[in-house]
Amino acid sequence: MPTPTPRRRKRRSGRPVKRAETIASSVILTGLAAIFLIVFLVGSSGETRTLAGAGSLWTGEADILPPRIDPLALSGTWTYGPDNLYEYINGQAPHYLQFGFEAVLVGEYAEDAGAMPELIVDVYHMGERSNAYGLFMESFPPEEELAPLGNDGFYGHNVAAFWKGPYYVRVMALTAEDESYTVHAAAEMVAERIQDDEAGLAEFAAFPTEGLLAGTLSFSKVAAFGLHYMKDTFLGSYEGEESVYRLFYSHLETEEEALELMAEHREYLGSAGEVTAVEEGAQEELVWGRHQYIGAILMIRRGNLVVGSVRLAERGEAEGAVRDLLRRVEVEP
């Protein structure tokens, strides 16, 4: 069994937890514990349990869950797929589904077989690394700080979460008492069991570094800039001469998808702003205009790739920046 390194032992204490946060967390965790108690009383055998039809959807590594997290042992597992995820997380299911959710492996940990679980480990298989990253960043509590857990993670009071490879992982203690040490240790053990040779997203390497604002590289699965047709979008913010602007790109699965995106963009821009220029050729398509809230926006499509800029007011400057990013994206593996 992997053992946490001394460097990480020091970090598990985490940031000081404010009393107000502890009280709020206790209330939330008490409610969650009640939910799991109901599940437990309905039927718990202390054995591995798989919901019908969902087990075949789990394509992740079978040994991601440690058999023991002292003083607890793995007492049961559940798996859920897209069709029944709502049974586990109810109202949050659509949010996970939009990020490409494939299946979740849930591990229960208790002191004895058949006992009430004291710790829950959720391992969400999101299909692609970018999906796992996007879900983690969307779920990241604003009051927390990133920690070196997995590819990115955080430690909180009785909770820890991270993303690594195509997985988004959340560990939680089902008690109001402070079990943060065990929770953080469990998160580290699970992270060590996931193989991932890349530290971050390779897609970010395409963005030029000059003028790039630190910490602004991001991924939007759906509706980037609030535009309903924008999906799978990688973004970066830059310091301009007059204001901050953004560069972005979407690498879609097919050219047909990219053509449809551009058509929707032209239609929407015409109704919520103005289309200043449209250029169509055999190899690429360009749309330049202004959105009433977003500002100046340029998009260039080449094949199944859509690249653009937001808030670069001069077309020449915008096109230069976008074409530079386009070249970079095309040479990235």
C-alpha atoms as a PDB file:
ATOM      1  CA  MET A   1       0.000   0.000   0.000  1.00  0.00           C
ATOM      2  CA  PRO A   2       1.441   3.415  -0.892  1.00  0.00           C
ATOM      3  CA  THR A   3       2.454   5.474   2.149  1.00  0.00           C
ATOM      4  CA  PRO A   4       2.305   9.286   2.301  1.00  0.00           C
ATOM      5  CA  THR A   5       5.669  11.011   2.120  1.00  0.00           C
ATOM      6  CA  PRO A   6       6.978  13.043   5.092  1.00  0.00           C
ATOM      7  CA  ARG A   7       6.625  16.209   3.000  1.00  0.00           C
ATOM      8  CA  ARG A   8       2.910  15.663   2.660  1.00  0.00           C
ATOM      9  CA  ARG A   9       2.427  14.678   6.315  1.00  0.00           C
ATOM     10  CA  LYS A  10       3.262  18.220   7.263  1.00  0.00           C
ATOM     11  CA  ARG A  11       0.770  19.616   4.780  1.00  0.00           C
ATOM     12  CA  ARG A  12      -2.179  17.530   5.957  1.00  0.00           C
ATOM     13  CA  SER A  13      -2.879  19.824   8.840  1.00  0.00           C
ATOM     14  CA  GLY A  14      -4.112  22.248   6.147  1.00  0.00           C
ATOM     15  CA  ARG A  15      -5.072  25.842   6.705  1.00  0.00           C
ATOM     16  CA  PRO A  16      -6.584  26.887  10.075  1.00  0.00           C
ATOM     17  CA  VAL A  17     -10.327  26.283   9.997  1.00  0.00           C
ATOM     18  CA  LYS A  18     -12.387  29.221  11.186  1.00  0.00           C
ATOM     19  CA  ARG A  19     -15.086  28.516  13.763  1.00  0.00           C
ATOM     20  CA  ALA A  20     -17.834  29.778  11.433  1.00  0.00           C
ATOM     21  CA  GLU A  21     -16.597  27.462   8.700  1.00  0.00           C
ATOM     22  CA  THR A  22     -16.477  24.548  11.138  1.00  0.00           C
ATOM     23  CA  ILE A  23     -20.063  25.160  12.226  1.00  0.00           C
ATOM     24  CA  ALA A  24     -21.269  25.463   8.621  1.00  0.00           C
ATOM     25  CA  SER A  25     -19.369  22.343   7.633  1.00  0.00           C
ATOM     26  CA  SER A  26     -20.837  20.475  10.601  1.00  0.00           C
ATOM     27  CA  VAL A  27     -24.368  21.325   9.541  1.00  0.00           C
ATOM     28  CA  ILE A  28     -23.717  20.248   5.946  1.00  0.00           C
ATOM     29  CA  LEU A  29     -21.946  17.062   6.967  1.00  0.00           C
ATOM     30  CA  THR A  30     -24.684  16.180   9.456  1.00  0.00           C
ATOM     31  CA  GLY A  31     -27.193  16.347   6.598  1.00  0.00           C
ATOM     32  CA  LEU A  32     -24.971  14.256   4.362  1.00  0.00           C
ATOM     33  CA  ALA A  33     -24.442  11.722   7.130  1.00  0.00           C
ATOM     34  CA  ALA A  34     -28.211  11.429   7.507  1.00  0.00           C
ATOM     35  CA  ILE A  35     -28.579  10.685   3.808  1.00  0.00           C
ATOM     36  CA  PHE A  36     -25.962   7.951   3.951  1.00  0.00           C
ATOM     37  CA  LEU A  37     -27.590   6.563   7.089  1.00  0.00           C
ATOM     38  CA  ILE A  38     -30.845   6.143   5.179  1.00  0.00           C
ATOM     39  CA  VAL A  39     -28.985   4.354   2.367  1.00  0.00           C
ATOM     40  CA  PHE A  40     -27.258   2.177   4.927  1.00  0.00           C
ATOM     41  CA  LEU A  41     -30.472   1.225   6.733  1.00  0.00           C
ATOM     42  CA  VAL A  42     -32.267   0.421   3.469  1.00  0.00           C
ATOM     43  CA  GLY A  43     -29.760  -2.291   2.746  1.00  0.00           C
ATOM     44  CA  SER A  44     -26.105  -2.726   3.660  1.00  0.00           C
ATOM     45  CA  SER A  45     -24.411  -6.105   3.531  1.00  0.00           C
ATOM     46  CA  GLY A  46     -20.857  -4.918   4.137  1.00  0.00           C
ATOM     47  CA  GLU A  47     -19.925  -6.348   0.756  1.00  0.00           C
ATOM     48  CA  THR A  48     -19.095  -4.828  -2.596  1.00  0.00           C
ATOM     49  CA  ARG A  49     -22.308  -3.675  -4.221  1.00  0.00           C
ATOM     50  CA  THR A  50     -22.812  -2.641  -7.831  1.00  0.00           C
ATOM     51  CA  LEU A  51     -26.021  -1.109  -9.106  1.00  0.00           C
ATOM     52  CA  ALA A  52     -27.474  -3.074 -12.019  1.00  0.00           C
ATOM     53  CA  GLY A  53     -26.325  -1.857 -15.406  1.00  0.00           C
ATOM     54  CA  ALA A  54     -23.732   0.592 -14.112  1.00  0.00           C
ATOM     55  CA  GLY A  55     -20.807  -1.686 -13.334  1.00  0.00           C
ATOM     56  CA  SER A  56     -19.998  -2.299 -16.977  1.00  0.00           C
ATOM     57  CA  LEU A  57     -19.590   1.462 -17.475  1.00  0.00           C
ATOM     58  CA  TRP A  58     -16.701   1.711 -15.028  1.00  0.00           C
ATOM     59  CA  THR A  59     -13.601   1.664 -17.225  1.00  0.00           C
ATOM     60  CA  GLY A  60     -11.155   2.973 -14.671  1.00  0.00           C
ATOM     61  CA  GLU A  61      -8.410   1.183 -12.787  1.00  0.00           C
ATOM     62  CA  ALA A  62      -9.818  -1.528 -10.528  1.00  0.00           C
ATOM     63  CA  ASP A  63      -7.380  -0.849  -7.673  1.00  0.00           C
ATOM     64  CA  ILE A  64      -7.850   2.924  -7.390  1.00  0.00           C
ATOM     65  CA  LEU A  65      -9.516   2.468  -3.988  1.00  0.00           C
ATOM     66  CA  PRO A  66      -7.058   1.454  -1.233  1.00  0.00           C
ATOM     67  CA  PRO A  67      -8.209  -1.647   0.669  1.00  0.00           C
ATOM     68  CA  ARG A  68      -7.471   0.120   3.944  1.00  0.00           C
ATOM     69  CA  ILE A  69      -7.153   3.681   5.206  1.00  0.00           C
ATOM     70  CA  ASP A  70      -6.207   3.282   8.864  1.00  0.00           C
ATOM     71  CA  PRO A  71      -8.146   2.872  11.050  1.00  0.00           C
ATOM     72  CA  LEU A  72     -10.792   2.143   8.392  1.00  0.00           C
ATOM     73  CA  ALA A  73     -11.174  -0.606   5.815  1.00  0.00           C
ATOM     74  CA  LEU A  74     -13.006  -0.641   2.487  1.00  0.00           C
ATOM     75  CA  SER A  75     -16.426  -2.044   3.396  1.00  0.00           C
ATOM     76  CA  GLY A  76     -18.399  -1.602   0.185  1.00  0.00           C
ATOM     77  CA  THR A  77     -18.485   0.007  -3.257  1.00  0.00           C
ATOM     78  CA  TRP A  78     -21.134   1.440  -5.510  1.00  0.00           C
ATOM     79  CA  THR A  79     -20.999   2.349  -9.195  1.00  0.00           C
ATOM     80  CA  TYR A  80     -23.289   4.739 -11.036  1.00  0.00           C
ATOM     81  CA  GLY A  81     -23.523   5.612 -14.721  1.00  0.00           C
ATOM     82  CA  PRO A  82     -25.092   8.516 -16.652  1.00  0.00           C
ATOM     83  CA  ASP A  83     -28.581   6.969 -16.462  1.00  0.00           C
ATOM     84  CA  ASN A  84     -28.731   6.739 -12.674  1.00  0.00           C
ATOM     85  CA  LEU A  85     -26.216   9.312 -11.393  1.00  0.00           C
ATOM     86  CA  TYR A  86     -29.171  11.356 -10.119  1.00  0.00           C
ATOM     87  CA  GLU A  87     -29.821   8.606  -7.576  1.00  0.00           C
ATOM     88  CA  TYR A  88     -26.500   9.456  -5.963  1.00  0.00           C
ATOM     89  CA  ILE A  89     -26.070  13.223  -6.317  1.00  0.00           C
ATOM     90  CA  ASN A  90     -29.568  14.187  -7.480  1.00  0.00           C
ATOM     91  CA  GLY A  91     -29.603  17.886  -8.449  1.00  0.00           C
ATOM     92  CA  GLN A  92     -25.880  18.010  -9.224  1.00  0.00           C
ATOM     93  CA  ALA A  93     -26.084  15.235 -11.826  1.00  0.00           C
ATOM     94  CA  PRO A  94     -26.705  17.523 -14.863  1.00  0.00           C
ATOM     95  CA  HIS A  95     -23.586  19.544 -13.979  1.00  0.00           C
ATOM     96  CA  TYR A  96     -21.429  16.408 -13.985  1.00  0.00           C
ATOM     97  CA  LEU A  97     -23.057  15.073 -17.148  1.00  0.00           C
ATOM     98  CA  GLN A  98     -22.280  18.235 -19.104  1.00  0.00           C
ATOM     99  CA  PHE A  99     -18.599  17.698 -18.310  1.00  0.00           C
ATOM    100  CA  GLY A 100     -18.613  14.294 -20.008  1.00  0.00           C
ATOM    101  CA  PHE A 101     -19.276  12.085 -16.971  1.00  0.00           C
ATOM    102  CA  GLU A 102     -18.974   8.364 -17.742  1.00  0.00           C
ATOM    103  CA  ALA A 103     -19.164   6.569 -14.382  1.00  0.00           C
ATOM    104  CA  VAL A 104     -18.400   7.004 -10.696  1.00  0.00           C
ATOM    105  CA  LEU A 105     -16.891   4.482  -8.319  1.00  0.00           C
ATOM    106  CA  VAL A 106     -17.935   5.113  -4.709  1.00  0.00           C
ATOM    107  CA  GLY A 107     -15.969   3.525  -1.881  1.00  0.00           C
ATOM    108  CA  GLU A 108     -17.300   3.270   1.668  1.00  0.00           C
ATOM    109  CA  TYR A 109     -14.858   2.924   4.558  1.00  0.00           C
ATOM    110  CA  ALA A 110     -15.794   1.702   8.036  1.00  0.00           C
ATOM    111  CA  GLU A 111     -14.068   0.239  11.070  1.00  0.00           C
ATOM    112  CA  ASP A 112     -15.881  -3.094  10.687  1.00  0.00           C
ATOM    113  CA  ALA A 113     -17.712  -4.898   7.870  1.00  0.00           C
ATOM    114  CA  GLY A 114     -21.404  -4.026   7.996  1.00  0.00           C
ATOM    115  CA  ALA A 115     -20.806  -0.936  10.137  1.00  0.00           C
ATOM    116  CA  MET A 116     -21.978   2.543   9.258  1.00  0.00           C
ATOM    117  CA  PRO A 117     -19.460   4.081   6.780  1.00  0.00           C
ATOM    118  CA  GLU A 118     -17.330   6.856   8.232  1.00  0.00           C
ATOM    119  CA  LEU A 119     -15.532   7.918   5.054  1.00  0.00           C
ATOM    120  CA  ILE A 120     -16.624   8.135   1.412  1.00  0.00           C
ATOM    121  CA  VAL A 121     -14.332   8.258  -1.619  1.00  0.00           C
ATOM    122  CA  ASP A 122     -15.926   9.255  -4.959  1.00  0.00           C
ATOM    123  CA  VAL A 123     -13.881   8.585  -8.106  1.00  0.00           C
ATOM    124  CA  TYR A 124     -15.571  10.193 -11.125  1.00  0.00           C
ATOM    125  CA  HIS A 125     -14.383   8.989 -14.526  1.00  0.00           C
ATOM    126  CA  MET A 126     -14.826  12.012 -16.811  1.00  0.00           C
ATOM    127  CA  GLY A 127     -13.581  10.454 -20.051  1.00  0.00           C
ATOM    128  CA  GLU A 128     -10.920  13.069 -20.813  1.00  0.00           C
ATOM    129  CA  ARG A 129      -8.335  14.912 -18.760  1.00  0.00           C
ATOM    130  CA  SER A 130      -9.730  18.280 -19.794  1.00  0.00           C
ATOM    131  CA  ASN A 131     -13.181  17.264 -18.503  1.00  0.00           C
ATOM    132  CA  ALA A 132     -11.756  16.248 -15.128  1.00  0.00           C
ATOM    133  CA  TYR A 133      -9.824  19.510 -14.931  1.00  0.00           C
ATOM    134  CA  GLY A 134     -12.866  21.563 -15.910  1.00  0.00           C
ATOM    135  CA  LEU A 135     -15.129  19.877 -13.354  1.00  0.00           C
ATOM    136  CA  PHE A 136     -12.545  20.336 -10.599  1.00  0.00           C
ATOM    137  CA  MET A 137     -12.070  24.035 -11.336  1.00  0.00           C
ATOM    138  CA  GLU A 138     -15.837  24.592 -11.520  1.00  0.00           C
ATOM    139  CA  SER A 139     -16.255  22.803  -8.158  1.00  0.00           C
ATOM    140  CA  PHE A 140     -13.285  24.469  -6.455  1.00  0.00           C
ATOM    141  CA  PRO A 141     -14.459  26.438  -3.378  1.00  0.00           C
ATOM    142  CA  PRO A 142     -13.470  30.112  -3.762  1.00  0.00           C
ATOM    143  CA  GLU A 143     -12.397  30.334  -0.116  1.00  0.00           C
ATOM    144  CA  GLU A 144      -9.857  27.514  -0.501  1.00  0.00           C
ATOM    145  CA  GLU A 145      -6.338  27.500  -1.933  1.00  0.00           C
ATOM    146  CA  LEU A 146      -4.906  25.049  -4.434  1.00  0.00           C
ATOM    147  CA  ALA A 147      -2.726  22.347  -2.915  1.00  0.00           C
ATOM    148  CA  PRO A 148      -0.204  19.962  -4.517  1.00  0.00           C
ATOM    149  CA  LEU A 149      -2.622  17.038  -4.526  1.00  0.00           C
ATOM    150  CA  GLY A 150      -3.014  15.079  -7.764  1.00  0.00           C
ATOM    151  CA  ASN A 151      -2.630  17.469 -10.692  1.00  0.00           C
ATOM    152  CA  ASP A 152      -4.487  20.141  -8.729  1.00  0.00           C
ATOM    153  CA  GLY A 153      -6.376  19.751  -5.492  1.00  0.00           C
ATOM    154  CA  PHE A 154      -7.471  21.275  -2.206  1.00  0.00           C
ATOM    155  CA  TYR A 155      -7.702  20.277   1.443  1.00  0.00           C
ATOM    156  CA  GLY A 156     -10.579  21.448   3.624  1.00  0.00           C
ATOM    157  CA  HIS A 157     -12.283  20.557   6.883  1.00  0.00           C
ATOM    158  CA  ASN A 158     -13.230  16.866   6.549  1.00  0.00           C
ATOM    159  CA  VAL A 159     -13.038  17.082   2.764  1.00  0.00           C
ATOM    160  CA  ALA A 160     -10.410  16.914   0.027  1.00  0.00           C
ATOM    161  CA  ALA A 161     -10.720  16.901  -3.757  1.00  0.00           C
ATOM    162  CA  PHE A 162      -8.423  16.737  -6.765  1.00  0.00           C
ATOM    163  CA  TRP A 163      -8.202  15.858 -10.436  1.00  0.00           C
ATOM    164  CA  LYS A 164      -5.666  13.545 -11.999  1.00  0.00           C
ATOM    165  CA  GLY A 165      -5.772  11.929 -15.423  1.00  0.00           C
ATOM    166  CA  PRO A 166      -9.418  11.567 -16.474  1.00  0.00           C
ATOM    167  CA  TYR A 167     -10.566  11.394 -12.835  1.00  0.00           C
ATOM    168  CA  TYR A 168     -12.157  13.887 -10.483  1.00  0.00           C
ATOM    169  CA  VAL A 169     -11.899  12.579  -6.913  1.00  0.00           C
ATOM    170  CA  ARG A 170     -13.645  13.755  -3.764  1.00  0.00           C
ATOM    171  CA  VAL A 171     -13.043  12.368  -0.255  1.00  0.00           C
ATOM    172  CA  MET A 172     -15.342  13.209   2.644  1.00  0.00           C
ATOM    173  CA  ALA A 173     -15.763  12.182   6.282  1.00  0.00           C
ATOM    174  CA  LEU A 174     -19.341  11.535   7.400  1.00  0.00           C
ATOM    175  CA  THR A 175     -18.991  13.125  10.810  1.00  0.00           C
ATOM    176  CA  ALA A 176     -18.987  16.563  12.392  1.00  0.00           C
ATOM    177  CA  GLU A 177     -15.819  15.697  14.301  1.00  0.00           C
ATOM    178  CA  ASP A 178     -12.508  16.734  12.788  1.00  0.00           C
ATOM    179  CA  GLU A 179     -11.262  13.778  10.717  1.00  0.00           C
ATOM    180  CA  SER A 180      -9.305  15.961   8.298  1.00  0.00           C
ATOM    181  CA  TYR A 181      -6.036  14.080   8.841  1.00  0.00           C
ATOM    182  CA  THR A 182      -7.591  10.778   7.737  1.00  0.00           C
ATOM    183  CA  VAL A 183      -9.441  12.441   4.846  1.00  0.00           C
ATOM    184  CA  HIS A 184      -6.284  14.132   3.567  1.00  0.00           C
ATOM    185  CA  ALA A 185      -4.282  10.912   3.926  1.00  0.00           C
ATOM    186  CA  ALA A 186      -6.951   9.030   1.968  1.00  0.00           C
ATOM    187  CA  ALA A 187      -6.881  11.609  -0.840  1.00  0.00           C
ATOM    188  CA  GLU A 188      -3.093  11.300  -1.131  1.00  0.00           C
ATOM    189  CA  MET A 189      -3.260   7.503  -1.224  1.00  0.00           C
ATOM    190  CA  VAL A 190      -5.861   7.537  -4.006  1.00  0.00           C
ATOM    191  CA  ALA A 191      -3.877  10.138  -5.970  1.00  0.00           C
ATOM    192  CA  GLU A 192      -0.750   7.964  -5.789  1.00  0.00           C
ATOM    193  CA  ARG A 193      -2.698   5.051  -7.292  1.00  0.00           C
ATOM    194  CA  ILE A 194      -3.666   7.016 -10.417  1.00  0.00           C
ATOM    195  CA  GLN A 195      -1.132   6.998 -13.225  1.00  0.00           C
ATOM    196  CA  ASP A 196      -0.785  10.256 -15.153  1.00  0.00           C
ATOM    197  CA  ASP A 197       2.449  11.304 -16.839  1.00  0.00           C
ATOM    198  CA  GLU A 198       1.327  14.890 -17.458  1.00  0.00           C
ATOM    199  CA  ALA A 199       1.151  17.477 -14.693  1.00  0.00           C
ATOM    200  CA  GLY A 200      -1.379  19.803 -16.348  1.00  0.00           C
ATOM    201  CA  LEU A 201      -3.234  20.173 -19.617  1.00  0.00           C
ATOM    202  CA  ALA A 202      -1.079  19.927 -22.733  1.00  0.00           C
ATOM    203  CA  GLU A 203      -3.631  22.103 -24.541  1.00  0.00           C
ATOM    204  CA  PHE A 204      -2.439  25.144 -22.565  1.00  0.00           C
ATOM    205  CA  ALA A 205       1.041  24.921 -24.132  1.00  0.00           C
ATOM    206  CA  ALA A 206      -0.294  26.501 -27.332  1.00  0.00           C
ATOM    207  CA  PHE A 207      -0.930  29.869 -25.673  1.00  0.00           C
ATOM    208  CA  PRO A 208       1.862  32.445 -26.097  1.00  0.00           C
ATOM    209  CA  THR A 209       3.439  33.438 -22.793  1.00  0.00           C
ATOM    210  CA  GLU A 210       4.128  37.109 -23.564  1.00  0.00           C
ATOM    211  CA  GLY A 211       1.513  39.223 -21.810  1.00  0.00           C
ATOM    212  CA  LEU A 212      -0.257  36.169 -20.380  1.00  0.00           C
ATOM    213  CA  LEU A 213      -1.731  36.936 -16.956  1.00  0.00           C
ATOM    214  CA  ALA A 214      -0.726  34.387 -14.335  1.00  0.00           C
ATOM    215  CA  GLY A 215      -3.400  31.901 -13.349  1.00  0.00           C
ATOM    216  CA  THR A 216      -5.800  32.784 -16.180  1.00  0.00           C
ATOM    217  CA  LEU A 217      -5.481  29.686 -18.366  1.00  0.00           C
ATOM    218  CA  SER A 218      -8.776  27.844 -18.110  1.00  0.00           C
ATOM    219  CA  PHE A 219     -11.116  25.394 -19.786  1.00  0.00           C
ATOM    220  CA  SER A 220     -14.830  25.896 -20.364  1.00  0.00           C
ATOM    221  CA  LYS A 221     -16.809  22.793 -21.268  1.00  0.00           C
ATOM    222  CA  VAL A 222     -19.939  24.683 -22.296  1.00  0.00           C
ATOM    223  CA  ALA A 223     -21.057  28.256 -22.972  1.00  0.00           C
ATOM    224  CA  ALA A 224     -17.726  30.090 -22.872  1.00  0.00           C
ATOM    225  CA  PHE A 225     -18.332  33.864 -22.499  1.00  0.00           C
ATOM    226  CA  GLY A 226     -21.995  32.950 -21.950  1.00  0.00           C
ATOM    227  CA  LEU A 227     -22.353  32.003 -25.618  1.00  0.00           C
ATOM    228  CA  HIS A 228     -24.492  28.869 -25.673  1.00  0.00           C
ATOM    229  CA  TYR A 229     -22.828  27.428 -28.792  1.00  0.00           C
ATOM    230  CA  MET A 230     -19.257  27.639 -27.483  1.00  0.00           C
ATOM    231  CA  LYS A 231     -17.969  24.320 -26.098  1.00  0.00           C
ATOM    232  CA  ASP A 232     -14.694  22.614 -25.196  1.00  0.00           C
ATOM    233  CA  THR A 233     -12.981  26.008 -25.114  1.00  0.00           C
ATOM    234  CA  PHE A 234      -9.472  26.700 -23.828  1.00  0.00           C
ATOM    235  CA  LEU A 235      -8.888  30.296 -22.749  1.00  0.00           C
ATOM    236  CA  GLY A 236      -6.162  32.659 -21.594  1.00  0.00           C
ATOM    237  CA  SER A 237      -6.219  36.336 -20.513  1.00  0.00           C
ATOM    238  CA  TYR A 238      -3.639  38.884 -21.645  1.00  0.00           C
ATOM    239  CA  GLU A 239      -2.564  42.337 -20.601  1.00  0.00           C
ATOM    240  CA  GLY A 240      -3.248  44.705 -23.497  1.00  0.00           C
ATOM    241  CA  GLU A 241      -2.193  48.301 -23.968  1.00  0.00           C
ATOM    242  CA  GLU A 242      -5.611  49.596 -22.932  1.00  0.00           C
ATOM    243  CA  SER A 243      -7.368  46.653 -21.269  1.00  0.00           C
ATOM    244  CA  VAL A 244      -7.292  42.920 -20.663  1.00  0.00           C
ATOM    245  CA  TYR A 245      -8.248  40.755 -23.614  1.00  0.00           C
ATOM    246  CA  ARG A 246      -8.729  37.021 -24.071  1.00  0.00           C
ATOM    247  CA  LEU A 247      -7.585  34.465 -26.602  1.00  0.00           C
ATOM    248  CA  PHE A 248      -9.352  31.139 -26.980  1.00  0.00           C
ATOM    249  CA  TYR A 249      -9.683  28.055 -29.119  1.00  0.00           C
ATOM    250  CA  SER A 250     -11.946  25.033 -29.504  1.00  0.00           C
ATOM    251  CA  HIS A 251     -10.722  21.819 -31.123  1.00  0.00           C
ATOM    252  CA  LEU A 252     -13.980  20.160 -32.130  1.00  0.00           C
ATOM    253  CA  GLU A 253     -14.405  16.531 -33.129  1.00  0.00           C
ATOM    254  CA  THR A 254     -15.539  17.213 -36.695  1.00  0.00           C
ATOM    255  CA  GLU A 255     -15.456  20.004 -39.251  1.00  0.00           C
ATOM    256  CA  GLU A 256     -19.255  19.877 -39.390  1.00  0.00           C
ATOM    257  CA  GLU A 257     -19.397  20.824 -35.703  1.00  0.00           C
ATOM    258  CA  ALA A 258     -17.060  23.746 -36.323  1.00  0.00           C
ATOM    259  CA  LEU A 259     -19.149  24.925 -39.303  1.00  0.00           C
ATOM    260  CA  GLU A 260     -22.303  24.751 -37.178  1.00  0.00           C
ATOM    261  CA  LEU A 261     -20.622  26.717 -34.385  1.00  0.00           C
ATOM    262  CA  MET A 262     -19.617  29.482 -36.786  1.00  0.00           C
ATOM    263  CA  ALA A 263     -23.105  29.622 -38.300  1.00  0.00           C
ATOM    264  CA  GLU A 264     -24.659  29.962 -34.833  1.00  0.00           C
ATOM    265  CA  HIS A 265     -22.116  32.626 -33.961  1.00  0.00           C
ATOM    266  CA  ARG A 266     -22.959  34.710 -37.021  1.00  0.00           C
ATOM    267  CA  GLU A 267     -26.676  34.408 -36.304  1.00  0.00           C
ATOM    268  CA  TYR A 268     -26.334  35.258 -32.621  1.00  0.00           C
ATOM    269  CA  LEU A 269     -23.917  38.123 -33.213  1.00  0.00           C
ATOM    270  CA  GLY A 270     -26.363  39.581 -35.706  1.00  0.00           C
ATOM    271  CA  SER A 271     -29.131  39.588 -33.099  1.00  0.00           C
ATOM    272  CA  ALA A 272     -27.061  40.617 -30.048  1.00  0.00           C
ATOM    273  CA  GLY A 273     -24.554  42.989 -31.641  1.00  0.00           C
ATOM    274  CA  GLU A 274     -23.262  43.466 -35.147  1.00  0.00           C
ATOM    275  CA  VAL A 275     -21.370  41.485 -37.768  1.00  0.00           C
ATOM    276  CA  THR A 276     -18.781  43.759 -39.346  1.00  0.00           C
ATOM    277  CA  ALA A 277     -17.046  41.344 -41.702  1.00  0.00           C
ATOM    278  CA  VAL A 278     -17.454  37.779 -42.952  1.00  0.00           C
ATOM    279  CA  GLU A 279     -14.810  36.128 -45.102  1.00  0.00           C
ATOM    280  CA  GLU A 280     -15.265  32.598 -46.427  1.00  0.00           C
ATOM    281  CA  GLY A 281     -12.713  30.606 -48.356  1.00  0.00           C
ATOM    282  CA  ALA A 282     -11.976  27.040 -49.291  1.00  0.00           C
ATOM    283  CA  GLN A 283      -9.743  26.508 -46.262  1.00  0.00           C
ATOM    284  CA  GLU A 284     -11.059  28.839 -43.607  1.00  0.00           C
ATOM    285  CA  GLU A 285     -13.805  31.194 -42.459  1.00  0.00           C
ATOM    286  CA  LEU A 286     -13.540  34.500 -40.571  1.00  0.00           C
ATOM    287  CA  VAL A 287     -16.197  36.415 -38.647  1.00  0.00           C
ATOM    288  CA  TRP A 288     -15.433  39.854 -37.152  1.00  0.00           C
ATOM    289  CA  GLY A 289     -17.944  41.841 -35.140  1.00  0.00           C
ATOM    290  CA  ARG A 290     -19.055  43.154 -31.778  1.00  0.00           C
ATOM    291  CA  HIS A 291     -21.270  41.733 -29.048  1.00  0.00           C
ATOM    292  CA  GLN A 292     -23.253  44.202 -26.986  1.00  0.00           C
ATOM    293  CA  TYR A 293     -21.855  42.882 -23.694  1.00  0.00           C
ATOM    294  CA  ILE A 294     -18.684  40.981 -24.599  1.00  0.00           C
ATOM    295  CA  GLY A 295     -17.260  43.628 -26.938  1.00  0.00           C
ATOM    296  CA  ALA A 296     -15.160  43.093 -30.057  1.00  0.00           C
ATOM    297  CA  ILE A 297     -14.877  39.447 -31.013  1.00  0.00           C
ATOM    298  CA  LEU A 298     -13.022  37.727 -33.854  1.00  0.00           C
ATOM    299  CA  MET A 299     -13.339  34.060 -34.802  1.00  0.00           C
ATOM    300  CA  ILE A 300     -11.416  32.120 -37.432  1.00  0.00           C
ATOM    301  CA  ARG A 301     -12.322  28.546 -38.349  1.00  0.00           C
ATOM    302  CA  ARG A 302      -9.917  26.221 -40.081  1.00  0.00           C
ATOM    303  CA  GLY A 303     -11.109  22.640 -40.428  1.00  0.00           C
ATOM    304  CA  ASN A 304     -12.460  21.510 -37.064  1.00  0.00           C
ATOM    305  CA  LEU A 305     -10.523  24.211 -35.202  1.00  0.00           C
ATOM    306  CA  VAL A 306     -12.072  27.515 -34.067  1.00  0.00           C
ATOM    307  CA  VAL A 307      -9.707  30.196 -32.703  1.00  0.00           C
ATOM    308  CA  GLY A 308     -10.563  33.701 -31.575  1.00  0.00           C
ATOM    309  CA  SER A 309     -10.101  36.810 -29.481  1.00  0.00           C
ATOM    310  CA  VAL A 310     -12.352  38.919 -27.281  1.00  0.00           C
ATOM    311  CA  ARG A 311     -11.924  42.646 -26.512  1.00  0.00           C
ATOM    312  CA  LEU A 312      -9.163  43.407 -28.983  1.00  0.00           C
ATOM    313  CA  ALA A 313     -10.826  46.412 -30.579  1.00  0.00           C
ATOM    314  CA  GLU A 314      -8.582  46.766 -33.644  1.00  0.00           C
ATOM    315  CA  ARG A 315      -9.139  44.083 -36.260  1.00  0.00           C
ATOM    316  CA  GLY A 316      -5.512  44.059 -37.404  1.00  0.00           C
ATOM    317  CA  GLU A 317      -4.231  43.482 -33.887  1.00  0.00           C
ATOM    318  CA  ALA A 318      -6.927  40.905 -33.187  1.00  0.00           C
ATOM    319  CA  GLU A 319      -6.256  38.968 -36.391  1.00  0.00           C
ATOM    320  CA  GLY A 320      -2.502  38.966 -35.755  1.00  0.00           C
ATOM    321  CA  ALA A 321      -2.971  37.530 -32.254  1.00  0.00           C
ATOM    322  CA  VAL A 322      -5.554  34.966 -33.391  1.00  0.00           C
ATOM    323  CA  ARG A 323      -3.500  33.742 -36.348  1.00  0.00           C
ATOM    324  CA  ASP A 324      -0.464  33.397 -34.097  1.00  0.00           C
ATOM    325  CA  LEU A 325      -2.489  31.215 -31.704  1.00  0.00           C
ATOM    326  CA  LEU A 326      -3.911  29.275 -34.662  1.00  0.00           C
ATOM    327  CA  ARG A 327      -0.393  28.407 -35.842  1.00  0.00           C
ATOM    328  CA  ARG A 328       0.585  27.350 -32.333  1.00  0.00           C
ATOM    329  CA  VAL A 329      -2.446  25.124 -31.897  1.00  0.00           C
ATOM    330  CA  GLU A 330      -1.894  23.436 -35.254  1.00  0.00           C
ATOM    331  CA  VAL A 331       1.684  22.429 -34.378  1.00  0.00           C
ATOM    332  CA  GLU A 332       0.826  21.155 -30.886  1.00  0.00           C
ATOM    333  CA  PRO A 333       0.360  17.371 -30.708  1.00  0.00           C
END
